[in-house]
PDB file of N, CA and C in Angstrom:
ATOM      1  N   MET A   1      -3.885  -4.997  13.993  1.00  0.00           N
ATOM      2  CA  MET A   1      -3.184  -3.731  13.828  1.00  0.00           C
ATOM      3  C   MET A   1      -3.887  -2.847  12.799  1.00  0.00           C
ATOM      4  N   VAL A   2      -4.295  -3.455  11.687  1.00  0.00           N
ATOM      5  CA  VAL A   2      -4.958  -2.687  10.640  1.00  0.00           C
ATOM      6  C   VAL A   2      -6.294  -2.156  11.142  1.00  0.00           C
ATOM      7  N   TYR A   3      -7.026  -2.992  11.878  1.00  0.00           N
ATOM      8  CA  TYR A   3      -8.326  -2.562  12.394  1.00  0.00           C
ATOM      9  C   TYR A   3      -8.172  -1.443  13.412  1.00  0.00           C
ATOM     10  N   ALA A   4      -7.142  -1.508  14.238  1.00  0.00           N
ATOM     11  CA  ALA A   4      -6.902  -0.454  15.227  1.00  0.00           C
ATOM     12  C   ALA A   4      -6.631   0.872  14.526  1.00  0.00           C
ATOM     13  N   ARG A   5      -5.854   0.837  13.464  1.00  0.00           N
ATOM     14  CA  ARG A   5      -5.557   2.049  12.707  1.00  0.00           C
ATOM     15  C   ARG A   5      -6.831   2.585  12.048  1.00  0.00           C
ATOM     16  N   TYR A   6      -7.645   1.668  11.530  1.00  0.00           N
ATOM     17  CA  TYR A   6      -8.896   2.063  10.882  1.00  0.00           C
ATOM     18  C   TYR A   6      -9.824   2.759  11.871  1.00  0.00           C
ATOM     19  N   TRP A   7     -10.003   2.150  13.032  1.00  0.00           N
ATOM     20  CA  TRP A   7     -10.919   2.721  14.016  1.00  0.00           C
ATOM     21  C   TRP A   7     -10.393   4.026  14.591  1.00  0.00           C
ATOM     22  N   SER A   8      -9.097   4.147  14.773  1.00  0.00           N
ATOM     23  CA  SER A   8      -8.560   5.418  15.267  1.00  0.00           C
ATOM     24  C   SER A   8      -8.787   6.521  14.231  1.00  0.00           C
ATOM     25  N   MET A   9      -8.686   6.185  12.954  1.00  0.00           N
ATOM     26  CA  MET A   9      -8.950   7.172  11.904  1.00  0.00           C
ATOM     27  C   MET A   9     -10.431   7.533  11.856  1.00  0.00           C
ATOM     28  N   GLU A  10     -11.301   6.559  12.080  1.00  0.00           N
ATOM     29  CA  GLU A  10     -12.744   6.827  12.122  1.00  0.00           C
ATOM     30  C   GLU A  10     -13.083   7.774  13.272  1.00  0.00           C
ATOM     31  N   ILE A  11     -12.479   7.546  14.426  1.00  0.00           N
ATOM     32  CA  ILE A  11     -12.737   8.401  15.588  1.00  0.00           C
ATOM     33  C   ILE A  11     -12.201   9.808  15.332  1.00  0.00           C
ATOM     34  N   PHE A  12     -10.982   9.913  14.780  1.00  0.00           N
ATOM     35  CA  PHE A  12     -10.402  11.212  14.432  1.00  0.00           C
ATOM     36  C   PHE A  12     -11.312  11.954  13.455  1.00  0.00           C
ATOM     37  N   THR A  13     -11.814  11.234  12.459  1.00  0.00           N
ATOM     38  CA  THR A  13     -12.684  11.836  11.455  1.00  0.00           C
ATOM     39  C   THR A  13     -13.994  12.305  12.073  1.00  0.00           C
ATOM     40  N   PHE A  14     -14.531  11.529  12.994  1.00  0.00           N
ATOM     41  CA  PHE A  14     -15.791  11.893  13.644  1.00  0.00           C
ATOM     42  C   PHE A  14     -15.657  13.217  14.402  1.00  0.00           C
ATOM     43  N   PHE A  15     -14.561  13.391  15.122  1.00  0.00           N
ATOM     44  CA  PHE A  15     -14.394  14.589  15.939  1.00  0.00           C
ATOM     45  C   PHE A  15     -13.849  15.786  15.163  1.00  0.00           C
ATOM     46  N   LYS A  16     -12.956  15.560  14.214  1.00  0.00           N
ATOM     47  CA  LYS A  16     -12.256  16.674  13.573  1.00  0.00           C
ATOM     48  C   LYS A  16     -12.647  16.919  12.120  1.00  0.00           C
ATOM     49  N   GLY A  17     -13.332  15.965  11.483  1.00  0.00           N
ATOM     50  CA  GLY A  17     -13.572  16.067  10.054  1.00  0.00           C
ATOM     51  C   GLY A  17     -14.935  16.601   9.671  1.00  0.00           C
ATOM     52  N   SER A  18     -14.973  17.224   8.518  1.00  0.00           N
ATOM     53  CA  SER A  18     -16.212  17.704   7.923  1.00  0.00           C
ATOM     54  C   SER A  18     -16.310  17.081   6.534  1.00  0.00           C
ATOM     55  N   LEU A  19     -17.365  16.314   6.281  1.00  0.00           N
ATOM     56  CA  LEU A  19     -17.524  15.619   5.001  1.00  0.00           C
ATOM     57  C   LEU A  19     -17.711  16.638   3.885  1.00  0.00           C
ATOM     58  N   ILE A  20     -16.886  16.527   2.846  1.00  0.00           N
ATOM     59  CA  ILE A  20     -16.964  17.424   1.699  1.00  0.00           C
ATOM     60  C   ILE A  20     -17.720  16.761   0.560  1.00  0.00           C
ATOM     61  N   GLY A  21     -17.485  15.465   0.350  1.00  0.00           N
ATOM     62  CA  GLY A  21     -18.187  14.778  -0.727  1.00  0.00           C
ATOM     63  C   GLY A  21     -17.754  13.337  -0.869  1.00  0.00           C
ATOM     64  N   LYS A  22     -18.353  12.667  -1.869  1.00  0.00           N
ATOM     65  CA  LYS A  22     -18.050  11.271  -2.193  1.00  0.00           C
ATOM     66  C   LYS A  22     -17.769  11.166  -3.680  1.00  0.00           C
ATOM     67  N   ASP A  23     -17.015  10.137  -4.065  1.00  0.00           N
ATOM     68  CA  ASP A  23     -16.801   9.885  -5.483  1.00  0.00           C
ATOM     69  C   ASP A  23     -17.615   8.668  -5.917  1.00  0.00           C
ATOM     70  N   HIS A  24     -17.476   8.288  -7.188  1.00  0.00           N
ATOM     71  CA  HIS A  24     -18.270   7.182  -7.732  1.00  0.00           C
ATOM     72  C   HIS A  24     -17.892   5.823  -7.140  1.00  0.00           C
ATOM     73  N   GLN A  25     -16.719   5.714  -6.509  1.00  0.00           N
ATOM     74  CA  GLN A  25     -16.305   4.449  -5.892  1.00  0.00           C
ATOM     75  C   GLN A  25     -16.758   4.339  -4.441  1.00  0.00           C
ATOM     76  N   GLY A  26     -17.318   5.397  -3.900  1.00  0.00           N
ATOM     77  CA  GLY A  26     -17.771   5.382  -2.516  1.00  0.00           C
ATOM     78  C   GLY A  26     -16.755   5.937  -1.535  1.00  0.00           C
ATOM     79  N   ASN A  27     -15.613   6.418  -2.011  1.00  0.00           N
ATOM     80  CA  ASN A  27     -14.618   7.043  -1.136  1.00  0.00           C
ATOM     81  C   ASN A  27     -15.184   8.357  -0.605  1.00  0.00           C
ATOM     82  N   ARG A  28     -14.922   8.638   0.669  1.00  0.00           N
ATOM     83  CA  ARG A  28     -15.420   9.865   1.294  1.00  0.00           C
ATOM     84  C   ARG A  28     -14.256  10.815   1.540  1.00  0.00           C
ATOM     85  N   TYR A  29     -14.470  12.100   1.268  1.00  0.00           N
ATOM     86  CA  TYR A  29     -13.423  13.107   1.372  1.00  0.00           C
ATOM     87  C   TYR A  29     -13.777  14.093   2.479  1.00  0.00           C
ATOM     88  N   TYR A  30     -12.791  14.339   3.350  1.00  0.00           N
ATOM     89  CA  TYR A  30     -13.002  15.174   4.526  1.00  0.00           C
ATOM     90  C   TYR A  30     -12.008  16.317   4.568  1.00  0.00           C
ATOM     91  N   GLN A  31     -12.414  17.355   5.296  1.00  0.00           N
ATOM     92  CA  GLN A  31     -11.550  18.497   5.556  1.00  0.00           C
ATOM     93  C   GLN A  31     -11.632  18.806   7.042  1.00  0.00           C
ATOM     94  N   GLU A  32     -10.529  19.277   7.581  1.00  0.00           N
ATOM     95  CA  GLU A  32     -10.473  19.617   9.001  1.00  0.00           C
ATOM     96  C   GLU A  32     -11.525  20.679   9.321  1.00  0.00           C
ATOM     97  N   ARG A  33     -12.243  20.462  10.408  1.00  0.00           N
ATOM     98  CA  ARG A  33     -13.346  21.344  10.765  1.00  0.00           C
ATOM     99  C   ARG A  33     -12.883  22.700  11.291  1.00  0.00           C
ATOM    100  N   PHE A  34     -11.933  22.704  12.200  1.00  0.00           N
ATOM    101  CA  PHE A  34     -11.521  23.947  12.861  1.00  0.00           C
ATOM    102  C   PHE A  34     -10.011  24.125  12.793  1.00  0.00           C
ATOM    103  N   LEU A  35      -9.603  25.365  12.727  1.00  0.00           N
ATOM    104  CA  LEU A  35      -8.190  25.738  12.858  1.00  0.00           C
ATOM    105  C   LEU A  35      -8.126  26.755  13.990  1.00  0.00           C
ATOM    106  N   PHE A  36      -7.841  26.303  15.199  1.00  0.00           N
ATOM    107  CA  PHE A  36      -7.865  27.213  16.333  1.00  0.00           C
ATOM    108  C   PHE A  36      -6.627  28.096  16.397  1.00  0.00           C
ATOM    109  N   LYS A  37      -5.496  27.515  16.770  1.00  0.00           N
ATOM    110  CA  LYS A  37      -4.290  28.303  17.017  1.00  0.00           C
ATOM    111  C   LYS A  37      -3.411  28.434  15.785  1.00  0.00           C
ATOM    112  N   LYS A  38      -3.529  27.508  14.854  1.00  0.00           N
ATOM    113  CA  LYS A  38      -2.625  27.489  13.705  1.00  0.00           C
ATOM    114  C   LYS A  38      -3.347  28.009  12.462  1.00  0.00           C
ATOM    115  N   ALA A  39      -3.759  29.246  12.489  1.00  0.00           N
ATOM    116  CA  ALA A  39      -4.538  29.810  11.389  1.00  0.00           C
ATOM    117  C   ALA A  39      -3.710  30.015  10.121  1.00  0.00           C
ATOM    118  N   LYS A  40      -2.380  29.993  10.230  1.00  0.00           N
ATOM    119  CA  LYS A  40      -1.545  30.234   9.057  1.00  0.00           C
ATOM    120  C   LYS A  40      -1.423  29.001   8.164  1.00  0.00           C
ATOM    121  N   ARG A  41      -1.629  27.844   8.711  1.00  0.00           N
ATOM    122  CA  ARG A  41      -1.493  26.639   7.885  1.00  0.00           C
ATOM    123  C   ARG A  41      -2.820  26.307   7.198  1.00  0.00           C
ATOM    124  N   LYS A  42      -2.728  25.482   6.177  1.00  0.00           N
ATOM    125  CA  LYS A  42      -3.929  25.071   5.451  1.00  0.00           C
ATOM    126  C   LYS A  42      -4.660  23.986   6.226  1.00  0.00           C
ATOM    127  N   GLN A  43      -5.937  23.874   5.966  1.00  0.00           N
ATOM    128  CA  GLN A  43      -6.712  22.824   6.612  1.00  0.00           C
ATOM    129  C   GLN A  43      -6.295  21.467   6.068  1.00  0.00           C
ATOM    130  N   ARG A  44      -6.268  20.481   6.938  1.00  0.00           N
ATOM    131  CA  ARG A  44      -5.926  19.127   6.513  1.00  0.00           C
ATOM    132  C   ARG A  44      -7.075  18.544   5.705  1.00  0.00           C
ATOM    133  N   ARG A  45      -6.716  17.765   4.699  1.00  0.00           N
ATOM    134  CA  ARG A  45      -7.701  17.079   3.870  1.00  0.00           C
ATOM    135  C   ARG A  45      -7.303  15.621   3.783  1.00  0.00           C
ATOM    136  N   TRP A  46      -8.278  14.738   3.815  1.00  0.00           N
ATOM    137  CA  TRP A  46      -7.976  13.314   3.735  1.00  0.00           C
ATOM    138  C   TRP A  46      -9.138  12.565   3.114  1.00  0.00           C
ATOM    139  N   VAL A  47      -8.850  11.319   2.771  1.00  0.00           N
ATOM    140  CA  VAL A  47      -9.843  10.448   2.146  1.00  0.00           C
ATOM    141  C   VAL A  47     -10.010   9.199   3.001  1.00  0.00           C
ATOM    142  N   MET A  48     -11.238   8.757   3.135  1.00  0.00           N
ATOM    143  CA  MET A  48     -11.555   7.481   3.780  1.00  0.00           C
ATOM    144  C   MET A  48     -11.988   6.550   2.656  1.00  0.00           C
ATOM    145  N   TYR A  49     -11.127   5.589   2.339  1.00  0.00           N
ATOM    146  CA  TYR A  49     -11.388   4.692   1.221  1.00  0.00           C
ATOM    147  C   TYR A  49     -12.493   3.705   1.554  1.00  0.00           C
ATOM    148  N   ARG A  50     -13.258   3.371   0.551  1.00  0.00           N
ATOM    149  CA  ARG A  50     -14.233   2.295   0.682  1.00  0.00           C
ATOM    150  C   ARG A  50     -13.572   1.065   0.068  1.00  0.00           C
ATOM    151  N   GLY A  51     -13.231   0.116   0.898  1.00  0.00           N
ATOM    152  CA  GLY A  51     -12.532  -1.069   0.408  1.00  0.00           C
ATOM    153  C   GLY A  51     -11.030  -0.927   0.579  1.00  0.00           C
ATOM    154  N   ILE A  52     -10.300  -1.357  -0.426  1.00  0.00           N
ATOM    155  CA  ILE A  52      -8.838  -1.373  -0.376  1.00  0.00           C
ATOM    156  C   ILE A  52      -8.285   0.052  -0.345  1.00  0.00           C
ATOM    157  N   MET A  53      -7.329   0.294   0.558  1.00  0.00           N
ATOM    158  CA  MET A  53      -6.694   1.612   0.651  1.00  0.00           C
ATOM    159  C   MET A  53      -5.580   1.697  -0.383  1.00  0.00           C
ATOM    160  N   GLU A  54      -5.888   2.248  -1.529  1.00  0.00           N
ATOM    161  CA  GLU A  54      -4.957   2.339  -2.645  1.00  0.00           C
ATOM    162  C   GLU A  54      -5.010   3.761  -3.189  1.00  0.00           C
ATOM    163  N   GLY A  55      -3.876   4.439  -3.212  1.00  0.00           N
ATOM    164  CA  GLY A  55      -3.818   5.831  -3.640  1.00  0.00           C
ATOM    165  C   GLY A  55      -4.276   6.072  -5.060  1.00  0.00           C
ATOM    166  N   SER A  56      -4.154   5.081  -5.923  1.00  0.00           N
ATOM    167  CA  SER A  56      -4.563   5.270  -7.313  1.00  0.00           C
ATOM    168  C   SER A  56      -6.079   5.221  -7.478  1.00  0.00           C
ATOM    169  N   ARG A  57      -6.803   4.973  -6.408  1.00  0.00           N
ATOM    170  CA  ARG A  57      -8.264   4.950  -6.475  1.00  0.00           C
ATOM    171  C   ARG A  57      -8.872   6.346  -6.392  1.00  0.00           C
ATOM    172  N   VAL A  58      -8.050   7.362  -6.167  1.00  0.00           N
ATOM    173  CA  VAL A  58      -8.547   8.737  -6.093  1.00  0.00           C
ATOM    174  C   VAL A  58      -8.660   9.288  -7.514  1.00  0.00           C
ATOM    175  N   PRO A  59      -9.872   9.641  -7.961  1.00  0.00           N
ATOM    176  CA  PRO A  59     -10.022  10.181  -9.314  1.00  0.00           C
ATOM    177  C   PRO A  59      -9.467  11.602  -9.423  1.00  0.00           C
ATOM    178  N   ALA A  60      -9.278  12.052 -10.646  1.00  0.00           N
ATOM    179  CA  ALA A  60      -8.668  13.362 -10.902  1.00  0.00           C
ATOM    180  C   ALA A  60      -9.474  14.505 -10.306  1.00  0.00           C
ATOM    181  N   GLU A  61     -10.800  14.355 -10.254  1.00  0.00           N
ATOM    182  CA  GLU A  61     -11.640  15.424  -9.703  1.00  0.00           C
ATOM    183  C   GLU A  61     -11.271  15.722  -8.254  1.00  0.00           C
ATOM    184  N   TRP A  62     -10.891  14.680  -7.526  1.00  0.00           N
ATOM    185  CA  TRP A  62     -10.586  14.837  -6.103  1.00  0.00           C
ATOM    186  C   TRP A  62      -9.094  14.963  -5.832  1.00  0.00           C
ATOM    187  N   PHE A  63      -8.248  14.523  -6.733  1.00  0.00           N
ATOM    188  CA  PHE A  63      -6.805  14.570  -6.523  1.00  0.00           C
ATOM    189  C   PHE A  63      -6.328  16.007  -6.322  1.00  0.00           C
ATOM    190  N   GLY A  64      -6.766  16.903  -7.183  1.00  0.00           N
ATOM    191  CA  GLY A  64      -6.363  18.306  -7.075  1.00  0.00           C
ATOM    192  C   GLY A  64      -6.837  18.944  -5.786  1.00  0.00           C
ATOM    193  N   TRP A  65      -8.036  18.581  -5.357  1.00  0.00           N
ATOM    194  CA  TRP A  65      -8.562  19.125  -4.103  1.00  0.00           C
ATOM    195  C   TRP A  65      -7.772  18.603  -2.913  1.00  0.00           C
ATOM    196  N   LEU A  66      -7.457  17.307  -2.887  1.00  0.00           N
ATOM    197  CA  LEU A  66      -6.707  16.716  -1.778  1.00  0.00           C
ATOM    198  C   LEU A  66      -5.341  17.357  -1.600  1.00  0.00           C
ATOM    199  N   HIS A  67      -4.713  17.745  -2.710  1.00  0.00           N
ATOM    200  CA  HIS A  67      -3.360  18.295  -2.673  1.00  0.00           C
ATOM    201  C   HIS A  67      -3.349  19.821  -2.679  1.00  0.00           C
ATOM    202  N   HIS A  68      -4.474  20.440  -2.325  1.00  0.00           N
ATOM    203  CA  HIS A  68      -4.605  21.893  -2.197  1.00  0.00           C
ATOM    204  C   HIS A  68      -4.314  22.635  -3.498  1.00  0.00           C
ATOM    205  N   SER A  69      -4.497  21.983  -4.652  1.00  0.00           N
ATOM    206  CA  SER A  69      -4.378  22.677  -5.931  1.00  0.00           C
ATOM    207  C   SER A  69      -5.690  23.371  -6.277  1.00  0.00           C
ATOM    208  N   LEU A  70      -6.787  22.850  -5.749  1.00  0.00           N
ATOM    209  CA  LEU A  70      -8.120  23.403  -5.995  1.00  0.00           C
ATOM    210  C   LEU A  70      -8.800  23.690  -4.665  1.00  0.00           C
ATOM    211  N   ASP A  71      -9.569  24.762  -4.626  1.00  0.00           N
ATOM    212  CA  ASP A  71     -10.330  25.068  -3.416  1.00  0.00           C
ATOM    213  C   ASP A  71     -11.607  24.238  -3.337  1.00  0.00           C
ATOM    214  N   VAL A  72     -12.163  23.944  -4.505  1.00  0.00           N
ATOM    215  CA  VAL A  72     -13.395  23.164  -4.595  1.00  0.00           C
ATOM    216  C   VAL A  72     -13.127  21.999  -5.538  1.00  0.00           C
ATOM    217  N   PRO A  73     -13.593  20.789  -5.227  1.00  0.00           N
ATOM    218  CA  PRO A  73     -13.368  19.666  -6.141  1.00  0.00           C
ATOM    219  C   PRO A  73     -14.036  19.908  -7.489  1.00  0.00           C
ATOM    220  N   LEU A  74     -13.449  19.368  -8.541  1.00  0.00           N
ATOM    221  CA  LEU A  74     -14.007  19.525  -9.879  1.00  0.00           C
ATOM    222  C   LEU A  74     -15.338  18.795  -9.989  1.00  0.00           C
ATOM    223  N   ASP A  75     -16.183  19.291 -10.862  1.00  0.00           N
ATOM    224  CA  ASP A  75     -17.476  18.655 -11.098  1.00  0.00           C
ATOM    225  C   ASP A  75     -17.266  17.469 -12.032  1.00  0.00           C
ATOM    226  N   SER A  76     -17.626  16.283 -11.595  1.00  0.00           N
ATOM    227  CA  SER A  76     -17.384  15.076 -12.397  1.00  0.00           C
ATOM    228  C   SER A  76     -18.324  14.978 -13.589  1.00  0.00           C
ATOM    229  N   THR A  77     -19.386  15.787 -13.629  1.00  0.00           N
ATOM    230  CA  THR A  77     -20.313  15.734 -14.766  1.00  0.00           C
ATOM    231  C   THR A  77     -19.811  16.551 -15.947  1.00  0.00           C
ATOM    232  N   LEU A  78     -18.799  17.371 -15.758  1.00  0.00           N
ATOM    233  CA  LEU A  78     -18.283  18.217 -16.831  1.00  0.00           C
ATOM    234  C   LEU A  78     -17.132  17.557 -17.580  1.00  0.00           C
ATOM    235  N   LYS A  79     -17.248  16.281 -17.855  1.00  0.00           N
ATOM    236  CA  LYS A  79     -16.185  15.570 -18.564  1.00  0.00           C
ATOM    237  C   LYS A  79     -16.379  15.699 -20.066  1.00  0.00           C
ATOM    238  N   SER A  80     -15.275  15.713 -20.786  1.00  0.00           N
ATOM    239  CA  SER A  80     -15.328  15.728 -22.242  1.00  0.00           C
ATOM    240  C   SER A  80     -15.631  14.333 -22.757  1.00  0.00           C
ATOM    241  N   SER A  81     -16.064  14.264 -24.010  1.00  0.00           N
ATOM    242  CA  SER A  81     -16.458  12.971 -24.585  1.00  0.00           C
ATOM    243  C   SER A  81     -15.265  12.028 -24.748  1.00  0.00           C
ATOM    244  N   TRP A  82     -14.055  12.582 -24.873  1.00  0.00           N
ATOM    245  CA  TRP A  82     -12.879  11.748 -25.094  1.00  0.00           C
ATOM    246  C   TRP A  82     -12.298  11.192 -23.800  1.00  0.00           C
ATOM    247  N   GLN A  83     -12.744  11.668 -22.644  1.00  0.00           N
ATOM    248  CA  GLN A  83     -12.197  11.209 -21.370  1.00  0.00           C
ATOM    249  C   GLN A  83     -12.791   9.862 -20.977  1.00  0.00           C
ATOM    250  N   LYS A  84     -11.925   8.979 -20.536  1.00  0.00           N
ATOM    251  CA  LYS A  84     -12.364   7.669 -20.066  1.00  0.00           C
ATOM    252  C   LYS A  84     -12.691   7.749 -18.580  1.00  0.00           C
ATOM    253  N   PRO A  85     -13.548   6.851 -18.092  1.00  0.00           N
ATOM    254  CA  PRO A  85     -13.808   6.836 -16.645  1.00  0.00           C
ATOM    255  C   PRO A  85     -12.555   6.425 -15.882  1.00  0.00           C
ATOM    256  N   HIS A  86     -12.421   6.942 -14.659  1.00  0.00           N
ATOM    257  CA  HIS A  86     -11.239   6.659 -13.841  1.00  0.00           C
ATOM    258  C   HIS A  86     -11.179   5.182 -13.476  1.00  0.00           C
ATOM    259  N   GLN A  87      -9.987   4.639 -13.537  1.00  0.00           N
ATOM    260  CA  GLN A  87      -9.763   3.241 -13.177  1.00  0.00           C
ATOM    261  C   GLN A  87      -8.515   3.192 -12.300  1.00  0.00           C
ATOM    262  N   SER A  88      -8.613   2.495 -11.180  1.00  0.00           N
ATOM    263  CA  SER A  88      -7.456   2.402 -10.289  1.00  0.00           C
ATOM    264  C   SER A  88      -6.399   1.487 -10.894  1.00  0.00           C
ATOM    265  N   ASN A  89      -5.233   1.467 -10.275  1.00  0.00           N
ATOM    266  CA  ASN A  89      -4.117   0.653 -10.748  1.00  0.00           C
ATOM    267  C   ASN A  89      -4.496  -0.826 -10.723  1.00  0.00           C
ATOM    268  N   GLN A  90      -4.352  -1.501 -11.848  1.00  0.00           N
ATOM    269  CA  GLN A  90      -4.749  -2.903 -11.964  1.00  0.00           C
ATOM    270  C   GLN A  90      -3.573  -3.874 -11.877  1.00  0.00           C
ATOM    271  N   THR A  91      -2.383  -3.377 -11.583  1.00  0.00           N
ATOM    272  CA  THR A  91      -1.206  -4.235 -11.495  1.00  0.00           C
ATOM    273  C   THR A  91      -1.406  -5.309 -10.438  1.00  0.00           C
ATOM    274  N   GLY A  92      -1.071  -6.533 -10.774  1.00  0.00           N
ATOM    275  CA  GLY A  92      -1.194  -7.640  -9.833  1.00  0.00           C
ATOM    276  C   GLY A  92      -2.569  -8.274  -9.813  1.00  0.00           C
ATOM    277  N   THR A  93      -3.469  -7.809 -10.649  1.00  0.00           N
ATOM    278  CA  THR A  93      -4.804  -8.401 -10.716  1.00  0.00           C
ATOM    279  C   THR A  93      -4.988  -9.093 -12.056  1.00  0.00           C
ATOM    280  N   SER A  94      -6.116  -9.744 -12.213  1.00  0.00           N
ATOM    281  CA  SER A  94      -6.396 -10.412 -13.484  1.00  0.00           C
ATOM    282  C   SER A  94      -6.705  -9.398 -14.587  1.00  0.00           C
ATOM    283  N   LEU A  95      -6.977  -8.154 -14.228  1.00  0.00           N
ATOM    284  CA  LEU A  95      -7.280  -7.112 -15.210  1.00  0.00           C
ATOM    285  C   LEU A  95      -6.038  -6.363 -15.687  1.00  0.00           C
ATOM    286  N   ALA A  96      -4.866  -6.731 -15.191  1.00  0.00           N
ATOM    287  CA  ALA A  96      -3.626  -6.049 -15.571  1.00  0.00           C
ATOM    288  C   ALA A  96      -3.343  -6.253 -17.059  1.00  0.00           C
ATOM    289  N   TYR A  97      -2.707  -5.259 -17.672  1.00  0.00           N
ATOM    290  CA  TYR A  97      -2.370  -5.339 -19.087  1.00  0.00           C
ATOM    291  C   TYR A  97      -1.232  -6.337 -19.292  1.00  0.00           C
ATOM    292  N   ARG A  98      -1.447  -7.242 -20.191  1.00  0.00           N
ATOM    293  CA  ARG A  98      -0.416  -8.213 -20.560  1.00  0.00           C
ATOM    294  C   ARG A  98      -0.305  -8.220 -22.078  1.00  0.00           C
ATOM    295  N   PRO A  99       0.787  -7.688 -22.619  1.00  0.00           N
ATOM    296  CA  PRO A  99       0.917  -7.642 -24.074  1.00  0.00           C
ATOM    297  C   PRO A  99       1.027  -9.040 -24.656  1.00  0.00           C
ATOM    298  N   SER A 100       0.513  -9.181 -25.865  1.00  0.00           N
ATOM    299  CA  SER A 100       0.593 -10.495 -26.505  1.00  0.00           C
ATOM    300  C   SER A 100       2.030 -10.715 -26.966  1.00  0.00           C
ATOM    301  N   MET A 101       2.596 -11.831 -26.573  1.00  0.00           N
ATOM    302  CA  MET A 101       3.974 -12.154 -26.933  1.00  0.00           C
ATOM    303  C   MET A 101       3.955 -13.469 -27.699  1.00  0.00           C
ATOM    304  N   PRO A 102       4.863 -13.614 -28.643  1.00  0.00           N
ATOM    305  CA  PRO A 102       4.891 -14.880 -29.379  1.00  0.00           C
ATOM    306  C   PRO A 102       5.272 -16.030 -28.452  1.00  0.00           C
ATOM    307  N   ARG A 103       4.682 -17.159 -28.707  1.00  0.00           N
ATOM    308  CA  ARG A 103       5.012 -18.328 -27.892  1.00  0.00           C
ATOM    309  C   ARG A 103       6.412 -18.809 -28.226  1.00  0.00           C
ATOM    310  N   GLU A 104       6.942 -19.597 -27.345  1.00  0.00           N
ATOM    311  CA  GLU A 104       8.298 -20.089 -27.525  1.00  0.00           C
ATOM    312  C   GLU A 104       8.393 -20.895 -28.822  1.00  0.00           C
ATOM    313  N   GLY A 105       9.401 -20.612 -29.620  1.00  0.00           N
ATOM    314  CA  GLY A 105       9.614 -21.345 -30.856  1.00  0.00           C
ATOM    315  C   GLY A 105       8.894 -20.745 -32.048  1.00  0.00           C
ATOM    316  N   THR A 106       8.105 -19.698 -31.841  1.00  0.00           N
ATOM    317  CA  THR A 106       7.386 -19.094 -32.964  1.00  0.00           C
ATOM    318  C   THR A 106       7.947 -17.732 -33.346  1.00  0.00           C
ATOM    319  N   GLN A 107       9.090 -17.361 -32.768  1.00  0.00           N
ATOM    320  CA  GLN A 107       9.684 -16.075 -33.115  1.00  0.00           C
ATOM    321  C   GLN A 107      10.259 -16.136 -34.520  1.00  0.00           C
ATOM    322  N   LYS A 108      10.325 -14.967 -35.130  1.00  0.00           N
ATOM    323  CA  LYS A 108      10.886 -14.898 -36.474  1.00  0.00           C
ATOM    324  C   LYS A 108      12.364 -15.251 -36.421  1.00  0.00           C
ATOM    325  N   SER A 109      12.843 -15.873 -37.468  1.00  0.00           N
ATOM    326  CA  SER A 109      14.258 -16.259 -37.500  1.00  0.00           C
ATOM    327  C   SER A 109      15.129 -15.024 -37.751  1.00  0.00           C
ATOM    328  N   VAL A 110      16.375 -15.137 -37.366  1.00  0.00           N
ATOM    329  CA  VAL A 110      17.329 -14.042 -37.531  1.00  0.00           C
ATOM    330  C   VAL A 110      17.654 -13.916 -39.017  1.00  0.00           C
ATOM    331  N   PRO A 111      17.646 -12.686 -39.555  1.00  0.00           N
ATOM    332  CA  PRO A 111      17.948 -12.521 -40.981  1.00  0.00           C
ATOM    333  C   PRO A 111      19.380 -12.954 -41.310  1.00  0.00           C
ATOM    334  N   GLU A 112      19.559 -13.382 -42.548  1.00  0.00           N
ATOM    335  CA  GLU A 112      20.890 -13.828 -42.979  1.00  0.00           C
ATOM    336  C   GLU A 112      21.862 -12.659 -42.959  1.00  0.00           C
ATOM    337  N   GLY A 113      23.090 -12.950 -42.628  1.00  0.00           N
ATOM    338  CA  GLY A 113      24.131 -11.935 -42.596  1.00  0.00           C
ATOM    339  C   GLY A 113      24.237 -11.235 -41.246  1.00  0.00           C
ATOM    340  N   TYR A 114      23.392 -11.576 -40.305  1.00  0.00           N
ATOM    341  CA  TYR A 114      23.453 -10.962 -38.983  1.00  0.00           C
ATOM    342  C   TYR A 114      24.464 -11.701 -38.140  1.00  0.00           C
ATOM    343  N   GLU A 115      25.393 -10.965 -37.563  1.00  0.00           N
ATOM    344  CA  GLU A 115      26.378 -11.562 -36.668  1.00  0.00           C
ATOM    345  C   GLU A 115      26.262 -10.910 -35.306  1.00  0.00           C
ATOM    346  N   PRO A 116      26.010 -11.671 -34.259  1.00  0.00           N
ATOM    347  CA  PRO A 116      25.929 -11.071 -32.928  1.00  0.00           C
ATOM    348  C   PRO A 116      27.301 -10.564 -32.488  1.00  0.00           C
ATOM    349  N   TRP A 117      27.290  -9.538 -31.678  1.00  0.00           N
ATOM    350  CA  TRP A 117      28.524  -8.958 -31.175  1.00  0.00           C
ATOM    351  C   TRP A 117      29.121  -9.891 -30.138  1.00  0.00           C
ATOM    352  N   ARG A 118      30.408 -10.130 -30.248  1.00  0.00           N
ATOM    353  CA  ARG A 118      31.123 -10.968 -29.284  1.00  0.00           C
ATOM    354  C   ARG A 118      32.286 -10.159 -28.739  1.00  0.00           C
ATOM    355  N   PRO A 119      32.323  -9.948 -27.442  1.00  0.00           N
ATOM    356  CA  PRO A 119      33.430  -9.177 -26.886  1.00  0.00           C
ATOM    357  C   PRO A 119      34.752  -9.916 -27.062  1.00  0.00           C
ATOM    358  N   SER A 120      35.793  -9.163 -27.300  1.00  0.00           N
ATOM    359  CA  SER A 120      37.100  -9.815 -27.501  1.00  0.00           C
ATOM    360  C   SER A 120      37.966  -9.716 -26.283  1.00  0.00           C
TER     361      SER A 120
END
């Protein structure tokens, strides 16, 4: 099923798409080639992911273009020194953030005079 969807999208892209550019991850960005009868609507834009199809893999330079906020994608070379490189969502992987938590039995003791609330 997944392969059928992939190939149908490849065929659609071949006939209707015009390659606009690529990002550093190898994702390809396309725009609809022609608008025959529906000239009032905007051209469709889409991404063909390289690898896993995950929406968080779209960098900021291309996000604005995909959502029709920008007419031309941003130049990725014009980054400020404080900006970090784009990283996709790491949840569920070994690279996910895991805060350091105290091990069982090593938590600080409750201060004296503390009484937990007990409903009456």
